[in-house]
């Protein structure tokens, strides 16, 4: 019985450590962070504010320029690159200052829709 408890404790600790190192799996992000995509651009605007993207980026003429200006970013970069960037910035550019916000697929789609709608 003690060995079983110890084995379970080790498994839980290892799982938590792995999660801390690699982040939550995509299916879990999608489960716990759903987005109503009825109006994706409006949802994306809310998410840009929630994740304080304008702290570093200028979007629609508002925000800082610590990071790139995101005006026209959806015309400059492919949707696939943008999705990968939003899902894991360090996978695209190691050492980037862009934080990984562990966005769900719905959040990514909403943010992209918002960025497409901004002049």
N, C-alpha and C. Protein backbone atom coordinates (compact mmCIF):
# COMPACT_ATOMS: atom_id res chain seq x y z
N UNK A 1 0.82 -1.20 0.00
CA UNK A 1 0.00 0.00 0.00
C UNK A 1 0.87 1.26 0.00
N UNK A 2 1.95 1.24 0.83
CA UNK A 2 2.83 2.40 0.86
C UNK A 2 3.53 2.59 -0.48
N UNK A 3 3.90 1.50 -1.11
CA UNK A 3 4.57 1.59 -2.42
C UNK A 3 3.64 2.18 -3.47
N UNK A 4 2.38 1.80 -3.43
CA UNK A 4 1.40 2.32 -4.38
C UNK A 4 1.23 3.82 -4.18
N UNK A 5 1.12 4.26 -2.94
CA UNK A 5 1.00 5.70 -2.66
C UNK A 5 2.24 6.45 -3.13
N UNK A 6 3.39 5.89 -2.87
CA UNK A 6 4.63 6.52 -3.30
C UNK A 6 4.70 6.60 -4.82
N UNK A 7 4.31 5.52 -5.49
CA UNK A 7 4.32 5.51 -6.96
C UNK A 7 3.34 6.55 -7.51
N UNK A 8 2.17 6.67 -6.89
CA UNK A 8 1.19 7.67 -7.34
C UNK A 8 1.71 9.08 -7.10
N UNK A 9 2.32 9.30 -5.96
CA UNK A 9 2.88 10.61 -5.65
C UNK A 9 3.97 10.97 -6.65
N UNK A 10 4.84 10.04 -6.97
CA UNK A 10 5.90 10.28 -7.95
C UNK A 10 5.30 10.58 -9.32
N UNK A 11 4.27 9.85 -9.71
CA UNK A 11 3.62 10.08 -11.00
C UNK A 11 2.99 11.46 -11.06
N UNK A 12 2.34 11.88 -9.99
CA UNK A 12 1.71 13.20 -9.96
C UNK A 12 2.77 14.30 -10.02
N UNK A 13 3.82 14.17 -9.24
CA UNK A 13 4.89 15.17 -9.23
C UNK A 13 5.55 15.24 -10.61
N UNK A 14 5.80 14.11 -11.22
CA UNK A 14 6.41 14.09 -12.55
C UNK A 14 5.49 14.73 -13.58
N UNK A 15 4.19 14.47 -13.48
CA UNK A 15 3.23 15.07 -14.42
C UNK A 15 3.18 16.58 -14.27
N UNK A 16 3.16 17.05 -13.03
CA UNK A 16 3.13 18.50 -12.79
C UNK A 16 4.42 19.14 -13.29
N UNK A 17 5.55 18.50 -13.06
CA UNK A 17 6.84 19.03 -13.54
C UNK A 17 6.86 19.09 -15.07
N UNK A 18 6.39 18.05 -15.72
CA UNK A 18 6.35 18.02 -17.18
C UNK A 18 5.43 19.12 -17.71
N UNK A 19 4.28 19.29 -17.07
CA UNK A 19 3.35 20.33 -17.47
C UNK A 19 3.98 21.71 -17.30
N UNK A 20 4.70 21.92 -16.23
CA UNK A 20 5.36 23.20 -15.98
C UNK A 20 6.43 23.49 -17.03
N UNK A 21 7.11 22.46 -17.50
CA UNK A 21 8.18 22.64 -18.48
C UNK A 21 7.65 22.80 -19.90
N UNK A 22 6.62 22.07 -20.25
CA UNK A 22 6.15 22.06 -21.63
C UNK A 22 4.86 22.81 -21.87
N UNK A 23 4.15 23.16 -20.81
CA UNK A 23 2.88 23.84 -20.95
C UNK A 23 1.74 22.86 -21.11
N UNK A 24 0.54 23.36 -20.97
CA UNK A 24 -0.63 22.49 -21.07
C UNK A 24 -0.83 21.98 -22.50
N UNK A 25 -1.33 20.77 -22.65
CA UNK A 25 -1.58 20.26 -24.01
C UNK A 25 -2.72 21.04 -24.68
N UNK A 26 -2.65 21.12 -26.00
CA UNK A 26 -3.62 21.90 -26.78
C UNK A 26 -5.06 21.50 -26.49
N UNK A 27 -5.34 20.20 -26.38
CA UNK A 27 -6.73 19.79 -26.13
C UNK A 27 -7.24 20.35 -24.81
N UNK A 28 -6.36 20.47 -23.81
CA UNK A 28 -6.76 21.02 -22.52
C UNK A 28 -7.00 22.52 -22.63
N UNK A 29 -6.13 23.22 -23.35
CA UNK A 29 -6.34 24.66 -23.57
C UNK A 29 -7.68 24.91 -24.25
N UNK A 30 -7.98 24.09 -25.25
CA UNK A 30 -9.25 24.26 -25.97
C UNK A 30 -10.44 23.96 -25.08
N UNK A 31 -10.27 23.06 -24.16
CA UNK A 31 -11.35 22.68 -23.25
C UNK A 31 -11.61 23.78 -22.21
N UNK A 32 -10.55 24.32 -21.63
CA UNK A 32 -10.72 25.28 -20.54
C UNK A 32 -10.78 26.74 -20.99
N UNK A 33 -10.44 27.02 -22.25
CA UNK A 33 -10.44 28.39 -22.74
C UNK A 33 -11.24 28.51 -24.04
N UNK A 34 -12.53 28.13 -24.00
CA UNK A 34 -13.32 28.22 -25.23
C UNK A 34 -13.61 29.68 -25.59
N UNK A 35 -13.87 29.91 -26.86
CA UNK A 35 -14.17 31.26 -27.34
C UNK A 35 -15.41 31.18 -28.22
N UNK A 36 -16.34 32.08 -28.00
CA UNK A 36 -17.52 32.17 -28.86
C UNK A 36 -17.09 32.90 -30.13
N UNK A 37 -17.08 32.19 -31.24
CA UNK A 37 -16.62 32.77 -32.51
C UNK A 37 -17.76 33.27 -33.38
N UNK A 38 -18.90 33.62 -32.76
CA UNK A 38 -20.00 34.21 -33.51
C UNK A 38 -19.54 35.50 -34.18
N UNK A 39 -18.80 36.31 -33.44
CA UNK A 39 -18.18 37.52 -33.97
C UNK A 39 -16.70 37.46 -33.59
N UNK A 40 -15.89 36.77 -34.40
CA UNK A 40 -14.51 36.52 -34.01
C UNK A 40 -13.67 37.78 -33.83
N UNK A 41 -13.90 38.81 -34.65
CA UNK A 41 -13.10 40.03 -34.51
C UNK A 41 -13.39 40.72 -33.18
N UNK A 42 -14.64 40.75 -32.76
CA UNK A 42 -14.99 41.35 -31.47
C UNK A 42 -14.38 40.54 -30.33
N UNK A 43 -14.44 39.23 -30.44
CA UNK A 43 -13.83 38.37 -29.41
C UNK A 43 -12.32 38.60 -29.38
N UNK A 44 -11.71 38.75 -30.55
CA UNK A 44 -10.27 39.00 -30.62
C UNK A 44 -9.89 40.32 -29.99
N UNK A 45 -10.72 41.34 -30.16
CA UNK A 45 -10.46 42.65 -29.54
C UNK A 45 -10.44 42.52 -28.02
N UNK A 46 -11.38 41.78 -27.49
CA UNK A 46 -11.44 41.55 -26.04
C UNK A 46 -10.20 40.80 -25.58
N UNK A 47 -9.78 39.80 -26.34
CA UNK A 47 -8.60 39.01 -25.97
C UNK A 47 -7.32 39.84 -26.03
N UNK A 48 -7.20 40.70 -27.02
CA UNK A 48 -6.03 41.58 -27.13
C UNK A 48 -5.93 42.45 -25.89
N UNK A 49 -7.07 42.93 -25.40
CA UNK A 49 -7.08 43.71 -24.16
C UNK A 49 -6.78 42.83 -22.95
N UNK A 50 -7.38 41.65 -22.89
CA UNK A 50 -7.18 40.75 -21.75
C UNK A 50 -5.72 40.35 -21.60
N UNK A 51 -5.07 40.06 -22.72
CA UNK A 51 -3.68 39.63 -22.67
C UNK A 51 -2.70 40.80 -22.76
N UNK A 52 -3.21 42.01 -22.69
CA UNK A 52 -2.43 43.26 -22.69
C UNK A 52 -1.40 43.31 -23.83
N UNK A 53 -1.83 42.95 -25.01
CA UNK A 53 -0.94 42.93 -26.17
C UNK A 53 -0.40 44.32 -26.51
N UNK A 54 -1.21 45.35 -26.23
CA UNK A 54 -0.78 46.72 -26.56
C UNK A 54 0.30 47.24 -25.61
N UNK A 55 0.63 46.48 -24.60
CA UNK A 55 1.75 46.87 -23.74
C UNK A 55 3.03 46.89 -24.56
N UNK A 56 3.12 46.00 -25.55
CA UNK A 56 4.31 45.91 -26.40
C UNK A 56 4.04 46.28 -27.85
N UNK A 57 2.83 46.05 -28.33
CA UNK A 57 2.52 46.23 -29.75
C UNK A 57 1.56 47.38 -29.99
N UNK A 58 1.78 48.08 -31.10
CA UNK A 58 0.79 49.05 -31.57
C UNK A 58 -0.18 48.27 -32.47
N UNK A 59 -1.45 48.40 -32.13
CA UNK A 59 -2.50 47.73 -32.89
C UNK A 59 -3.59 48.75 -33.15
N UNK A 60 -3.88 48.98 -34.40
CA UNK A 60 -4.90 49.96 -34.75
C UNK A 60 -4.56 51.36 -34.28
N UNK A 61 -3.27 51.70 -34.30
CA UNK A 61 -2.83 53.03 -33.93
C UNK A 61 -2.71 53.27 -32.44
N UNK A 62 -2.98 52.24 -31.63
CA UNK A 62 -2.89 52.40 -30.17
C UNK A 62 -1.92 51.37 -29.61
N UNK A 63 -1.12 51.80 -28.65
CA UNK A 63 -0.22 50.89 -27.97
C UNK A 63 1.23 51.30 -28.09
N UNK A 64 2.08 50.48 -27.53
CA UNK A 64 3.51 50.76 -27.49
C UNK A 64 4.20 50.16 -28.71
N UNK A 65 5.46 50.52 -28.86
CA UNK A 65 6.25 49.96 -29.95
C UNK A 65 7.48 49.23 -29.43
N UNK A 66 7.35 48.59 -28.28
CA UNK A 66 8.43 47.74 -27.78
C UNK A 66 8.58 46.55 -28.71
N UNK A 67 7.45 46.00 -29.13
CA UNK A 67 7.40 44.92 -30.11
C UNK A 67 6.98 45.51 -31.45
N UNK A 68 6.87 44.68 -32.47
CA UNK A 68 6.49 45.18 -33.80
C UNK A 68 5.09 45.80 -33.83
N UNK A 69 4.93 46.78 -34.70
CA UNK A 69 3.61 47.33 -35.01
C UNK A 69 2.85 46.23 -35.75
N UNK A 70 1.64 45.94 -35.32
CA UNK A 70 0.90 44.83 -35.92
C UNK A 70 -0.05 45.27 -37.03
N UNK A 71 0.03 46.52 -37.45
CA UNK A 71 -0.76 46.98 -38.59
C UNK A 71 -0.35 46.18 -39.82
N UNK A 72 -1.30 45.53 -40.45
CA UNK A 72 -1.04 44.78 -41.67
C UNK A 72 -0.29 43.47 -41.47
N UNK A 73 -0.15 43.01 -40.25
CA UNK A 73 0.62 41.78 -40.02
C UNK A 73 -0.01 40.57 -40.71
N UNK A 74 -1.32 40.57 -40.86
CA UNK A 74 -1.98 39.43 -41.51
C UNK A 74 -1.77 39.44 -43.02
N UNK A 75 -1.30 40.57 -43.56
CA UNK A 75 -0.94 40.62 -44.98
C UNK A 75 0.53 40.29 -45.20
N UNK A 76 1.35 40.53 -44.17
CA UNK A 76 2.79 40.28 -44.29
C UNK A 76 3.18 38.83 -44.00
N UNK A 77 2.46 38.20 -43.10
CA UNK A 77 2.80 36.83 -42.69
C UNK A 77 1.64 35.90 -42.98
N UNK A 78 1.96 34.66 -43.27
CA UNK A 78 0.91 33.68 -43.58
C UNK A 78 0.13 33.33 -42.32
N UNK A 79 -1.12 32.90 -42.48
CA UNK A 79 -1.91 32.48 -41.32
C UNK A 79 -1.24 31.36 -40.54
N UNK A 80 -0.57 30.45 -41.23
CA UNK A 80 0.10 29.35 -40.54
C UNK A 80 1.21 29.83 -39.63
N UNK A 81 2.01 30.77 -40.10
CA UNK A 81 3.10 31.33 -39.29
C UNK A 81 2.52 32.08 -38.10
N UNK A 82 1.47 32.87 -38.34
CA UNK A 82 0.85 33.62 -37.24
C UNK A 82 0.25 32.68 -36.19
N UNK A 83 -0.40 31.61 -36.64
CA UNK A 83 -0.96 30.64 -35.69
C UNK A 83 0.15 30.01 -34.85
N UNK A 84 1.22 29.61 -35.50
CA UNK A 84 2.34 29.02 -34.77
C UNK A 84 2.94 30.03 -33.80
N UNK A 85 3.10 31.26 -34.24
CA UNK A 85 3.66 32.31 -33.39
C UNK A 85 2.79 32.50 -32.15
N UNK A 86 1.49 32.59 -32.34
CA UNK A 86 0.60 32.81 -31.20
C UNK A 86 0.50 31.58 -30.29
N UNK A 87 0.67 30.40 -30.85
CA UNK A 87 0.57 29.20 -30.03
C UNK A 87 1.85 28.94 -29.24
N UNK A 88 3.02 29.35 -29.80
CA UNK A 88 4.28 29.13 -29.09
C UNK A 88 5.36 30.01 -29.71
N UNK A 89 5.46 31.26 -29.26
CA UNK A 89 6.41 32.19 -29.87
C UNK A 89 7.85 31.69 -29.87
N UNK A 90 8.28 31.03 -28.81
CA UNK A 90 9.66 30.56 -28.73
C UNK A 90 9.97 29.47 -29.75
N UNK A 91 8.94 28.76 -30.22
CA UNK A 91 9.15 27.74 -31.24
C UNK A 91 9.50 28.38 -32.58
N UNK A 92 9.03 29.60 -32.79
CA UNK A 92 9.31 30.32 -34.04
C UNK A 92 10.63 31.07 -33.92
N UNK A 93 10.84 31.70 -32.76
CA UNK A 93 12.06 32.49 -32.56
C UNK A 93 12.52 32.31 -31.11
N UNK A 94 13.51 31.47 -30.95
CA UNK A 94 14.05 31.22 -29.61
C UNK A 94 14.55 32.50 -28.97
N UNK A 95 14.30 32.65 -27.69
CA UNK A 95 14.75 33.83 -26.96
C UNK A 95 13.89 35.06 -27.16
N UNK A 96 12.76 34.92 -27.82
CA UNK A 96 11.90 36.08 -28.03
C UNK A 96 11.36 36.62 -26.71
N UNK A 97 11.09 37.91 -26.68
CA UNK A 97 10.50 38.53 -25.49
C UNK A 97 9.00 38.29 -25.42
N UNK A 98 8.43 37.82 -26.51
CA UNK A 98 6.98 37.56 -26.55
C UNK A 98 6.65 36.41 -25.60
N UNK A 99 5.73 36.66 -24.67
CA UNK A 99 5.37 35.59 -23.74
C UNK A 99 4.48 34.56 -24.41
N UNK A 100 4.54 33.35 -23.91
CA UNK A 100 3.61 32.32 -24.35
C UNK A 100 2.40 32.42 -23.44
N UNK A 101 1.29 32.88 -23.99
CA UNK A 101 0.07 33.04 -23.21
C UNK A 101 -0.78 31.77 -23.18
N UNK A 102 -0.25 30.69 -23.74
CA UNK A 102 -0.97 29.40 -23.77
C UNK A 102 -2.38 29.61 -24.31
N UNK A 103 -2.47 30.16 -25.51
CA UNK A 103 -3.75 30.45 -26.15
C UNK A 103 -4.39 29.18 -26.69
N UNK A 104 -5.70 29.11 -26.57
CA UNK A 104 -6.44 28.02 -27.19
C UNK A 104 -6.57 28.29 -28.68
N UNK A 105 -6.98 27.28 -29.44
CA UNK A 105 -7.17 27.47 -30.88
C UNK A 105 -8.21 28.55 -31.17
N UNK A 106 -9.29 28.57 -30.38
CA UNK A 106 -10.33 29.60 -30.56
C UNK A 106 -9.81 30.99 -30.29
N UNK A 107 -8.98 31.13 -29.25
CA UNK A 107 -8.38 32.44 -28.96
C UNK A 107 -7.48 32.89 -30.11
N UNK A 108 -6.72 31.98 -30.64
CA UNK A 108 -5.83 32.31 -31.76
C UNK A 108 -6.64 32.76 -32.97
N UNK A 109 -7.70 32.03 -33.30
CA UNK A 109 -8.53 32.40 -34.45
C UNK A 109 -9.18 33.76 -34.23
N UNK A 110 -9.64 34.03 -33.02
CA UNK A 110 -10.28 35.32 -32.73
C UNK A 110 -9.28 36.46 -32.84
N UNK A 111 -8.09 36.28 -32.31
CA UNK A 111 -7.06 37.33 -32.38
C UNK A 111 -6.67 37.58 -33.84
N UNK A 112 -6.54 36.52 -34.63
CA UNK A 112 -6.22 36.70 -36.05
C UNK A 112 -7.34 37.44 -36.77
N UNK A 113 -8.59 37.11 -36.46
CA UNK A 113 -9.72 37.81 -37.08
C UNK A 113 -9.70 39.29 -36.71
N UNK A 114 -9.39 39.58 -35.45
CA UNK A 114 -9.30 40.98 -35.04
C UNK A 114 -8.17 41.69 -35.77
N UNK A 115 -7.00 41.07 -35.86
CA UNK A 115 -5.88 41.69 -36.55
C UNK A 115 -6.18 41.92 -38.02
N UNK A 116 -6.96 41.03 -38.63
CA UNK A 116 -7.36 41.23 -40.03
C UNK A 116 -8.30 42.42 -40.17
N UNK A 117 -9.08 42.69 -39.14
CA UNK A 117 -10.07 43.76 -39.21
C UNK A 117 -9.50 45.15 -38.92
N UNK A 118 -8.28 45.17 -38.36
CA UNK A 118 -7.67 46.45 -37.99
C UNK A 118 -6.91 47.01 -39.19
N UNK A 119 -7.15 48.31 -39.48
CA UNK A 119 -6.43 48.90 -40.64
C UNK A 119 -4.94 49.03 -40.41
